[in-house]
Amino acid sequence: MQIEQIYTGCLAQGAYYITSNGEAAIIDPLREIQPYLDRLERDQVKLKYIFETHFHADFVSGHVDLSRETGAPIVYGPNAKCEFECISATDGQKFTIGNIKIKVLHTPGHTMESTTFLLIDENGKDHAIFSGDTLFIGDVGRPDLAQKAAHMTQEQLAAILYHSLRDKVMTLADDVIVYPAHGAGSACGKNMSKETVSTIGNQKATNYALRADMTEAEFVQEVTEGLLPPPAYFGMNVAMNKKGYESFENVLHLGMRALSATEFEVAAEETGALILDTRKNTDFAKGFIPQSINIGIDGDFAPWVGALVADVKQPILIVSEVGQEEETVTRLSRVGFDNLIGHLEGGFDAWAKAGKEIDTVNRITAEQFAKEVKIGESKVIDVRKENEYCAEHVEESFSKPLASINDWIKDINPKKHFYLHCAGGYRSMIAASILEARGFRNFTEIEGGFNAIAKTNLPKTDFVCQSKVLK
């Protein structure tokens, strides 16, 4: 028996590849299936089952394409209603893969079909659980994503999750390994560890939600407290995972259409496509196609596209570093952005050489910022998360997280100059590009963000947990 965790950092997502005696199972696969097909061929094993822990909200799974390509059935837990052929297993049902078994433990609460898969080894011993979004390392799944579909409140779902954990998961032996669907950085929980593997015993000892003396009421309160609104694209990804989707190969073909600068310009005008520039923020600041949005491929690219663009049906034209086109298309498809028109052949350099119009961002160094800013008079906007702002920030600055830019942008006075920064420049350049695309020009973005500002002599305030109101 072999278990491989295939962890994708940009989505903080774990898929699992399991083999035993010539047969294989894959749990929660990503959208692009070729890596799995390559593993199956390498190991000379047959894919017997594709297991899905639930209908994922934060990414589009590869289950439909993988089943079509291999003939392996897709297995969900109870209550799963797919618009494609799948097995909705019963609680306690067992599936054989080679010399091992996978047992279905129905663990609703995150969603009503949420299921934990228990791996029983060749000796009949409980070996590991694949807990999906039911149990994370240091956290549990948020209970607010399935409210509408389940016709329940988040408190009711949290109460169901409480019993799922205590009746199905915490009763397992302490040495059973825990393999979750996500780690730190995912929006599917609020307190996830950077670790991606643990044990039942360790989680009982360290996970706030698994305290032995915790009451149902305490669990509900602690699990629902401090939940941020889910990204807008989540519901659309759930629909794609339930209903099916365009083949990844077709999406890749569309995104890999190479367009000359002139063809690119015409396509933008005719389709109303969003121009998505995935280059580094340092390069984008020096020159970019007017109205384009910068979300760098080297950061949390796909989640930010999902959070800020939101509508997965939005037509998109890609500007990337030469050679990164396929990676960009792949990452977009993982979060359901399939309506790709093509990419700029030769990248931004081709646009510039064609003599097309170019825009720039007014970016200055932290040292220059420290010399010219007037604390209490100048307006400084900090687009980091609120907890980052609370830990330490420029005195008299305003906390306006990037994730909510579509809400706070209306409060900006375009006639009054302001400074803009994040932690290192990645998020503030995203914000800067959105601001410029919407007509704001009277601002200055800070290179290197707060990491660089902290090294200057500017006065900073720490441990203030109430954001300053933007006026």
Protein backbone atom coordinates (compact mmCIF):
# COMPACT_ATOMS: atom_id res chain seq x y z
CA MET A 1 0.00 0.00 0.00
CA GLN A 2 1.21 3.48 -0.87
CA ILE A 3 -0.35 6.87 -0.08
CA GLU A 4 0.80 10.03 -1.82
CA GLN A 5 -0.38 13.47 -0.78
CA ILE A 6 -0.36 15.75 -3.83
CA TYR A 7 -0.35 19.21 -2.29
CA THR A 8 -0.94 22.33 -4.37
CA GLY A 9 0.34 25.36 -2.49
CA CYS A 10 -1.44 28.10 -4.43
CA LEU A 11 -4.80 26.55 -3.49
CA ALA A 12 -3.62 25.09 -0.16
CA GLN A 13 -5.28 21.89 -1.39
CA GLY A 14 -4.42 18.25 -0.87
CA ALA A 15 -5.39 15.49 -3.29
CA TYR A 16 -4.54 11.87 -2.52
CA TYR A 17 -3.28 9.01 -4.68
CA ILE A 18 -3.51 5.54 -3.13
CA THR A 19 -2.33 2.23 -4.62
CA SER A 20 -2.58 -1.37 -3.47
CA ASN A 21 -1.94 -4.60 -5.38
CA GLY A 22 -2.42 -3.21 -8.89
CA GLU A 23 -5.37 -0.94 -8.13
CA ALA A 24 -5.63 2.74 -7.26
CA ALA A 25 -7.96 5.34 -5.80
CA ILE A 26 -7.76 9.10 -6.08
CA ILE A 27 -9.38 11.43 -3.56
CA ASP A 28 -10.37 15.04 -4.37
CA PRO A 29 -8.39 15.39 -7.64
CA LEU A 30 -7.52 18.76 -9.14
CA ARG A 31 -8.98 19.93 -12.45
CA GLU A 32 -6.06 18.90 -14.68
CA ILE A 33 -5.91 15.13 -14.78
CA GLN A 34 -2.76 14.38 -16.80
CA PRO A 35 -0.51 14.15 -13.71
CA TYR A 36 -2.80 11.44 -12.31
CA LEU A 37 -2.86 9.56 -15.61
CA ASP A 38 0.94 9.71 -15.67
CA ARG A 39 1.12 8.24 -12.16
CA LEU A 40 -1.25 5.42 -13.06
CA GLU A 41 0.84 4.54 -16.11
CA ARG A 42 4.10 4.81 -14.15
CA ASP A 43 2.84 2.47 -11.45
CA GLN A 44 1.02 0.20 -13.92
CA VAL A 45 -2.14 0.25 -11.83
CA LYS A 46 -5.82 0.59 -12.69
CA LEU A 47 -7.87 3.43 -11.22
CA LYS A 48 -10.77 1.72 -9.50
CA TYR A 49 -12.50 4.64 -7.72
CA ILE A 50 -12.51 8.43 -7.60
CA PHE A 51 -13.61 9.59 -4.15
CA GLU A 52 -14.98 13.08 -3.47
CA THR A 53 -15.27 14.20 0.15
CA HIS A 54 -17.94 16.79 -0.77
CA PHE A 55 -18.92 19.30 -3.45
CA HIS A 56 -15.92 21.61 -3.29
CA ALA A 57 -16.46 25.37 -3.30
CA ASP A 58 -12.92 26.71 -3.60
CA PHE A 59 -11.81 24.73 -6.65
CA VAL A 60 -13.18 22.71 -9.55
CA SER A 61 -12.33 19.05 -9.11
CA GLY A 62 -11.07 16.80 -11.90
CA HIS A 63 -13.53 14.02 -11.11
CA VAL A 64 -15.63 14.30 -14.28
CA ASP A 65 -12.70 14.34 -16.73
CA LEU A 66 -10.87 11.63 -14.78
CA SER A 67 -13.90 9.33 -14.79
CA ARG A 68 -14.48 9.93 -18.49
CA GLU A 69 -10.85 9.12 -19.30
CA THR A 70 -10.43 6.04 -17.08
CA GLY A 71 -13.93 4.65 -16.62
CA ALA A 72 -13.52 4.73 -12.83
CA PRO A 73 -16.75 5.59 -10.98
CA ILE A 74 -17.07 8.76 -8.90
CA VAL A 75 -18.01 8.12 -5.27
CA TYR A 76 -19.62 10.67 -2.95
CA GLY A 77 -21.09 10.13 0.48
CA PRO A 78 -24.80 10.17 1.37
CA ASN A 79 -27.02 13.08 0.23
CA ALA A 80 -24.91 13.82 -2.86
CA LYS A 81 -27.05 14.63 -5.90
CA CYS A 82 -24.95 14.86 -9.06
CA GLU A 83 -26.06 15.75 -12.58
CA PHE A 84 -23.67 13.11 -13.93
CA GLU A 85 -23.29 9.44 -13.14
CA CYS A 86 -21.94 8.88 -9.64
CA ILE A 87 -22.26 6.61 -6.63
CA SER A 88 -23.90 8.19 -3.58
CA ALA A 89 -22.57 5.76 -0.99
CA THR A 90 -24.26 4.77 2.24
CA ASP A 91 -22.80 5.44 5.66
CA GLY A 92 -20.49 2.56 6.57
CA GLN A 93 -20.22 1.23 3.01
CA LYS A 94 -16.82 -0.23 2.13
CA PHE A 95 -14.95 -0.12 -1.18
CA THR A 96 -12.07 -2.51 -1.94
CA ILE A 97 -8.87 -1.30 -3.63
CA GLY A 98 -6.35 -4.11 -3.95
CA ASN A 99 -5.73 -5.41 -0.43
CA ILE A 100 -7.17 -2.40 1.39
CA LYS A 101 -10.63 -0.97 2.00
CA ILE A 102 -12.07 2.52 2.08
CA LYS A 103 -14.95 2.90 4.54
CA VAL A 104 -17.50 5.70 4.20
CA LEU A 105 -17.99 7.79 7.36
CA HIS A 106 -20.78 10.28 6.74
CA THR A 107 -19.70 13.46 8.57
CA PRO A 108 -22.12 16.26 7.63
CA GLY A 109 -21.80 19.80 8.96
CA HIS A 110 -19.47 21.58 6.57
CA THR A 111 -21.94 20.47 3.91
CA MET A 112 -24.67 17.88 4.23
CA GLU A 113 -22.94 15.40 1.93
CA SER A 114 -19.53 15.86 3.58
CA THR A 115 -17.87 12.51 4.08
CA THR A 116 -14.68 11.28 5.71
CA PHE A 117 -13.07 8.25 4.07
CA LEU A 118 -11.42 5.79 6.45
CA LEU A 119 -8.60 3.67 5.00
CA ILE A 120 -8.39 0.16 6.47
CA ASP A 121 -5.04 -1.48 5.72
CA GLU A 122 -4.16 -5.02 4.61
CA ASN A 123 -4.29 -6.25 8.21
CA GLY A 124 -7.77 -4.85 8.84
CA LYS A 125 -6.44 -1.96 10.95
CA ASP A 126 -7.75 1.60 10.74
CA HIS A 127 -4.80 3.41 9.17
CA ALA A 128 -5.83 6.91 8.03
CA ILE A 129 -8.75 9.20 7.34
CA PHE A 130 -9.18 11.52 4.39
CA SER A 131 -11.24 14.14 6.15
CA GLY A 132 -11.99 16.60 3.35
CA ASP A 133 -13.27 19.84 4.89
CA THR A 134 -14.70 18.13 7.97
CA LEU A 135 -11.44 18.17 9.93
CA PHE A 136 -8.35 20.24 9.20
CA ILE A 137 -5.07 20.34 11.08
CA GLY A 138 -5.85 22.81 13.85
CA ASP A 139 -9.35 23.62 12.64
CA VAL A 140 -12.64 22.28 11.27
CA GLY A 141 -14.62 23.18 8.17
CA ARG A 142 -16.64 26.37 8.18
CA PRO A 143 -20.38 25.66 8.53
CA ASP A 144 -21.71 28.66 6.62
CA LEU A 145 -21.09 27.65 3.00
CA ALA A 146 -24.00 25.22 2.64
CA GLN A 147 -26.67 27.24 4.47
CA LYS A 148 -28.78 28.03 1.42
CA ALA A 149 -28.62 24.54 -0.09
CA ALA A 150 -29.33 22.85 3.24
CA HIS A 151 -32.04 25.35 4.29
CA MET A 152 -30.30 25.68 7.64
CA THR A 153 -28.51 28.35 9.62
CA GLN A 154 -24.75 28.19 10.13
CA GLU A 155 -25.43 27.47 13.79
CA GLN A 156 -27.56 24.43 12.90
CA LEU A 157 -24.87 23.13 10.54
CA ALA A 158 -22.21 23.72 13.19
CA ALA A 159 -24.22 21.66 15.67
CA ILE A 160 -24.40 18.81 13.14
CA LEU A 161 -20.63 19.08 12.60
CA TYR A 162 -20.09 18.87 16.37
CA HIS A 163 -21.76 15.47 16.48
CA SER A 164 -20.11 14.24 13.27
CA LEU A 165 -16.70 14.89 14.77
CA ARG A 166 -17.47 13.33 18.13
CA ASP A 167 -19.45 10.35 16.89
CA LYS A 168 -17.44 9.41 13.80
CA VAL A 169 -13.94 10.95 13.99
CA MET A 170 -12.90 11.35 17.63
CA THR A 171 -13.87 7.73 18.36
CA LEU A 172 -11.04 6.50 16.11
CA ALA A 173 -7.71 5.40 17.58
CA ASP A 174 -5.18 8.10 18.39
CA ASP A 175 -2.62 6.73 15.92
CA VAL A 176 -4.94 7.05 12.91
CA ILE A 177 -3.39 9.51 10.44
CA VAL A 178 -5.36 12.59 9.41
CA TYR A 179 -5.11 13.74 5.79
CA PRO A 180 -7.20 16.91 5.25
CA ALA A 181 -8.28 18.56 2.00
CA HIS A 182 -6.71 21.93 2.88
CA GLY A 183 -4.01 23.68 4.87
CA ALA A 184 -3.16 27.22 5.92
CA GLY A 185 -4.24 29.82 3.37
CA SER A 186 -7.51 28.20 2.36
CA ALA A 187 -10.74 30.16 2.82
CA CYS A 188 -12.54 26.95 3.85
CA GLY A 189 -11.48 27.39 7.48
CA LYS A 190 -10.15 30.14 9.73
CA ASN A 191 -7.39 28.65 11.90
CA MET A 192 -5.65 26.01 9.79
CA SER A 193 -2.11 24.89 10.54
CA LYS A 194 0.72 25.01 8.03
CA GLU A 195 1.10 21.29 8.66
CA THR A 196 -0.73 19.08 6.18
CA VAL A 197 -0.67 15.75 8.07
CA SER A 198 -1.41 14.86 11.69
CA THR A 199 -3.00 12.14 13.82
CA ILE A 200 -6.29 11.83 15.66
CA GLY A 201 -4.45 11.90 18.98
CA ASN A 202 -2.53 15.04 18.12
CA GLN A 203 -5.69 16.81 16.98
CA LYS A 204 -7.54 15.85 20.14
CA ALA A 205 -4.71 17.46 22.09
CA THR A 206 -4.21 20.61 20.00
CA ASN A 207 -7.27 21.41 17.88
CA TYR A 208 -9.47 23.99 19.62
CA ALA A 209 -12.63 22.41 18.15
CA LEU A 210 -11.89 18.91 19.50
CA ARG A 211 -11.56 19.70 23.20
CA ALA A 212 -12.85 16.75 25.19
CA ASP A 213 -14.90 18.90 27.57
CA MET A 214 -16.37 21.14 24.85
CA THR A 215 -20.13 21.47 24.84
CA GLU A 216 -22.20 21.72 21.68
CA ALA A 217 -23.01 25.35 22.46
CA GLU A 218 -19.35 26.21 22.95
CA PHE A 219 -18.43 24.48 19.71
CA VAL A 220 -21.10 26.34 17.75
CA GLN A 221 -20.02 29.68 19.17
CA GLU A 222 -16.29 29.18 18.60
CA VAL A 223 -16.59 27.68 15.12
CA THR A 224 -18.93 30.39 13.82
CA GLU A 225 -17.15 33.30 15.49
CA GLY A 226 -15.04 35.50 13.22
CA LEU A 227 -16.01 33.93 9.90
CA LEU A 228 -15.30 36.24 6.98
CA PRO A 229 -17.73 36.28 4.03
CA PRO A 230 -16.90 33.50 1.56
CA PRO A 231 -15.40 34.54 -1.79
CA ALA A 232 -18.04 35.23 -4.43
CA TYR A 233 -16.87 32.47 -6.77
CA PHE A 234 -17.50 29.67 -4.26
CA GLY A 235 -21.12 29.11 -5.26
CA MET A 236 -20.22 28.90 -8.94
CA ASN A 237 -17.54 26.30 -8.27
CA VAL A 238 -20.00 24.19 -6.27
CA ALA A 239 -22.40 24.30 -9.25
CA MET A 240 -19.66 23.17 -11.63
CA ASN A 241 -18.69 20.30 -9.33
CA LYS A 242 -22.32 19.18 -9.13
CA LYS A 243 -23.30 19.64 -12.75
CA GLY A 244 -20.10 18.95 -14.64
CA TYR A 245 -18.00 21.26 -16.78
CA GLU A 246 -16.09 21.80 -20.00
CA SER A 247 -13.19 19.42 -20.51
CA PHE A 248 -9.91 20.86 -19.26
CA GLU A 249 -8.29 20.08 -22.60
CA ASN A 250 -10.82 22.32 -24.37
CA VAL A 251 -10.20 25.14 -21.89
CA LEU A 252 -6.45 24.75 -22.34
CA HIS A 253 -6.85 24.93 -26.12
CA LEU A 254 -8.76 28.21 -25.84
CA GLY A 255 -6.31 29.80 -23.42
CA MET A 256 -3.32 28.77 -25.52
CA ARG A 257 -4.57 30.69 -28.56
CA ALA A 258 -1.70 33.08 -29.32
CA LEU A 259 -2.89 36.54 -30.39
CA SER A 260 -0.74 39.26 -31.94
CA ALA A 261 -0.87 42.69 -30.33
CA THR A 262 -3.40 43.87 -32.91
CA GLU A 263 -5.53 40.71 -32.61
CA PHE A 264 -5.38 41.04 -28.83
CA GLU A 265 -6.55 44.66 -28.99
CA VAL A 266 -9.43 43.79 -31.31
CA ALA A 267 -10.47 40.84 -29.15
CA ALA A 268 -10.56 43.07 -26.06
CA GLU A 269 -12.84 45.56 -27.82
CA GLU A 270 -15.16 42.96 -29.34
CA THR A 271 -15.57 40.67 -26.34
CA GLY A 272 -15.35 43.08 -23.41
CA ALA A 273 -12.83 40.68 -21.91
CA LEU A 274 -10.94 41.40 -18.72
CA ILE A 275 -7.23 41.78 -19.46
CA LEU A 276 -5.46 39.79 -16.75
CA ASP A 277 -1.75 40.52 -16.42
CA THR A 278 0.02 37.82 -14.41
CA ARG A 279 3.53 39.30 -14.39
CA LYS A 280 5.43 40.30 -11.26
CA ASN A 281 4.21 43.53 -9.66
CA THR A 282 7.64 45.10 -10.19
CA ASP A 283 7.33 44.62 -13.96
CA PHE A 284 3.68 45.62 -14.12
CA ALA A 285 4.39 48.95 -12.38
CA LYS A 286 6.80 49.96 -15.17
CA GLY A 287 4.29 49.45 -17.95
CA PHE A 288 1.07 47.62 -18.76
CA ILE A 289 -1.88 47.57 -21.15
CA PRO A 290 -4.44 50.20 -20.06
CA GLN A 291 -7.38 48.78 -18.06
CA SER A 292 -5.57 45.52 -17.29
CA ILE A 293 -5.60 43.97 -13.82
CA ASN A 294 -2.41 42.65 -12.26
CA ILE A 295 -2.65 39.42 -10.26
CA GLY A 296 0.78 37.84 -10.26
CA ILE A 297 1.11 34.13 -10.98
CA ASP A 298 3.82 33.88 -8.30
CA GLY A 299 1.42 34.66 -5.45
CA ASP A 300 -1.98 33.32 -4.37
CA PHE A 301 -3.09 33.76 -7.94
CA ALA A 302 -6.18 31.57 -8.35
CA PRO A 303 -7.85 32.48 -5.02
CA TRP A 304 -7.38 36.20 -5.71
CA VAL A 305 -8.81 35.87 -9.21
CA GLY A 306 -11.79 34.06 -7.73
CA ALA A 307 -12.28 36.60 -4.96
CA LEU A 308 -11.91 39.75 -7.05
CA VAL A 309 -13.17 38.77 -10.52
CA ALA A 310 -15.83 36.51 -8.97
CA ASP A 311 -17.86 35.72 -12.11
CA VAL A 312 -16.38 32.54 -13.60
CA LYS A 313 -18.12 33.30 -16.91
CA GLN A 314 -16.18 36.56 -17.35
CA PRO A 315 -14.25 36.51 -20.66
CA ILE A 316 -10.51 36.78 -19.98
CA LEU A 317 -7.50 37.73 -22.09
CA ILE A 318 -4.13 36.75 -20.62
CA VAL A 319 -0.87 38.66 -20.48
CA SER A 320 1.88 36.54 -18.95
CA GLU A 321 5.61 36.06 -18.98
CA VAL A 322 6.58 34.14 -22.10
CA GLY A 323 6.47 30.44 -21.23
CA GLN A 324 3.96 30.81 -18.38
CA GLU A 325 0.82 30.77 -20.54
CA GLU A 326 -0.09 27.13 -19.87
CA GLU A 327 0.49 27.45 -16.13
CA THR A 328 -1.78 30.52 -16.09
CA VAL A 329 -4.56 28.73 -17.98
CA THR A 330 -4.26 25.71 -15.70
CA ARG A 331 -4.54 27.77 -12.53
CA LEU A 332 -7.52 29.71 -13.87
CA SER A 333 -9.31 26.49 -14.76
CA ARG A 334 -8.80 25.16 -11.23
CA VAL A 335 -11.18 27.83 -9.95
CA GLY A 336 -13.60 27.59 -12.87
CA PHE A 337 -12.52 30.48 -15.10
CA ASP A 338 -13.00 28.70 -18.42
CA ASN A 339 -14.09 31.55 -20.70
CA LEU A 340 -10.62 32.27 -22.03
CA ILE A 341 -10.19 34.19 -25.27
CA GLY A 342 -6.44 33.65 -25.64
CA HIS A 343 -3.12 35.18 -24.62
CA LEU A 344 -0.84 37.93 -25.91
CA GLU A 345 1.81 36.31 -28.09
CA GLY A 346 5.26 37.46 -27.03
CA GLY A 347 3.91 38.92 -23.79
CA PHE A 348 3.92 42.60 -22.86
CA ASP A 349 7.13 43.25 -24.81
CA ALA A 350 5.25 42.46 -28.03
CA TRP A 351 2.60 45.02 -27.11
CA ALA A 352 5.23 47.68 -26.39
CA LYS A 353 7.16 46.95 -29.60
CA ALA A 354 3.93 47.28 -31.58
CA GLY A 355 3.69 50.88 -30.41
CA LYS A 356 0.44 50.34 -28.52
CA GLU A 357 -0.68 52.58 -25.64
CA ILE A 358 0.98 51.86 -22.29
CA ASP A 359 0.01 52.84 -18.75
CA THR A 360 2.08 52.90 -15.55
CA VAL A 361 1.60 52.99 -11.77
CA ASN A 362 3.11 55.76 -9.66
CA ARG A 363 5.32 53.65 -7.39
CA ILE A 364 7.87 54.98 -4.90
CA THR A 365 10.26 53.34 -2.45
CA ALA A 366 9.54 53.07 1.27
CA GLU A 367 12.38 55.51 1.94
CA GLN A 368 10.83 58.09 -0.37
CA PHE A 369 7.45 57.48 1.25
CA ALA A 370 8.95 58.10 4.69
CA LYS A 371 10.38 61.43 3.51
CA GLU A 372 7.21 62.82 1.95
CA VAL A 373 4.29 61.40 3.96
CA LYS A 374 2.80 63.61 6.67
CA ILE A 375 1.35 61.51 9.45
CA GLY A 376 -2.13 62.74 10.35
CA GLU A 377 -2.43 64.76 7.14
CA SER A 378 -1.64 62.34 4.34
CA LYS A 379 -4.10 59.52 3.68
CA VAL A 380 -2.48 56.09 3.85
CA ILE A 381 -4.47 52.99 2.89
CA ASP A 382 -3.28 49.58 4.12
CA VAL A 383 -4.77 46.73 2.05
CA ARG A 384 -3.44 43.89 4.19
CA LYS A 385 -5.79 41.66 6.19
CA GLU A 386 -7.20 43.16 9.37
CA ASN A 387 -5.14 40.87 11.60
CA GLU A 388 -1.95 42.06 9.87
CA TYR A 389 -3.02 45.67 10.37
CA CYS A 390 -3.85 45.02 14.03
CA ALA A 391 -0.41 43.56 14.68
CA GLU A 392 1.42 46.67 13.43
CA HIS A 393 0.70 49.49 11.01
CA VAL A 394 1.68 52.99 9.98
CA GLU A 395 0.30 55.46 12.49
CA GLU A 396 -3.00 57.03 11.35
CA SER A 397 -3.30 54.69 8.35
CA PHE A 398 -6.62 53.19 7.28
CA SER A 399 -7.29 49.44 7.18
CA LYS A 400 -9.01 48.54 3.91
CA PRO A 401 -8.35 44.87 3.03
CA LEU A 402 -7.93 44.03 -0.63
CA ALA A 403 -10.62 41.35 -0.42
CA SER A 404 -13.27 44.01 0.13
CA ILE A 405 -12.00 46.58 -2.40
CA ASN A 406 -15.25 46.41 -4.36
CA ASP A 407 -17.00 47.72 -1.24
CA TRP A 408 -14.59 50.40 -0.02
CA ILE A 409 -13.57 51.81 -3.39
CA LYS A 410 -16.76 53.89 -3.43
CA ASP A 411 -15.52 55.73 -0.32
CA ILE A 412 -12.41 57.01 -2.06
CA ASN A 413 -12.31 60.68 -3.01
CA PRO A 414 -10.62 60.71 -6.44
CA LYS A 415 -9.58 64.34 -5.97
CA LYS A 416 -7.62 63.71 -2.78
CA HIS A 417 -4.22 62.02 -3.02
CA PHE A 418 -3.55 58.86 -1.01
CA TYR A 419 -0.78 56.30 -0.48
CA LEU A 420 -1.36 52.59 -0.90
CA HIS A 421 0.57 49.61 0.51
CA CYS A 422 0.30 45.96 1.56
CA ALA A 423 2.94 43.71 3.11
CA GLY A 424 5.33 43.34 0.18
CA GLY A 425 3.79 44.85 -2.96
CA TYR A 426 1.80 41.94 -4.38
CA ARG A 427 -1.64 42.90 -3.05
CA SER A 428 -1.18 46.66 -3.28
CA MET A 429 -0.38 46.33 -6.99
CA ILE A 430 -3.57 44.33 -7.47
CA ALA A 431 -5.42 47.17 -5.74
CA ALA A 432 -3.56 49.80 -7.76
CA SER A 433 -4.48 48.12 -11.05
CA ILE A 434 -8.15 47.90 -10.05
CA LEU A 435 -8.15 51.55 -8.98
CA GLU A 436 -6.57 52.70 -12.24
CA ALA A 437 -8.97 50.57 -14.30
CA ARG A 438 -11.82 52.43 -12.57
CA GLY A 439 -10.39 55.85 -13.25
CA PHE A 440 -8.43 56.63 -10.07
CA ARG A 441 -5.09 58.28 -10.77
CA ASN A 442 -4.32 60.43 -7.73
CA PHE A 443 -2.48 57.89 -5.61
CA THR A 444 1.00 56.50 -4.95
CA GLU A 445 1.80 52.84 -4.32
CA ILE A 446 4.66 51.83 -2.02
CA GLU A 447 7.26 49.37 -3.32
CA GLY A 448 8.04 46.61 -0.84
CA GLY A 449 4.98 47.42 1.28
CA PHE A 450 4.99 47.36 5.06
CA ASN A 451 8.00 45.03 5.15
CA ALA A 452 10.05 47.89 3.69
CA ILE A 453 8.20 50.66 5.57
CA ALA A 454 8.95 48.95 8.90
CA LYS A 455 12.66 49.53 8.29
CA THR A 456 12.18 53.31 8.09
CA ASN A 457 11.76 55.71 11.00
CA LEU A 458 8.06 56.29 10.36
CA PRO A 459 5.94 56.02 13.55
CA LYS A 460 4.04 52.74 13.80
CA THR A 461 1.18 51.61 16.00
CA ASP A 462 0.67 48.05 17.20
CA PHE A 463 -1.99 45.94 18.85
CA VAL A 464 -4.89 48.14 17.78
CA CYS A 465 -7.74 45.89 16.73
CA GLN A 466 -10.27 48.40 15.51
CA SER A 467 -9.80 49.66 11.97
CA LYS A 468 -9.72 53.37 11.35
CA VAL A 469 -12.78 54.56 9.45
CA LEU A 470 -12.08 55.86 5.97
CA LYS A 471 -13.57 59.29 5.35
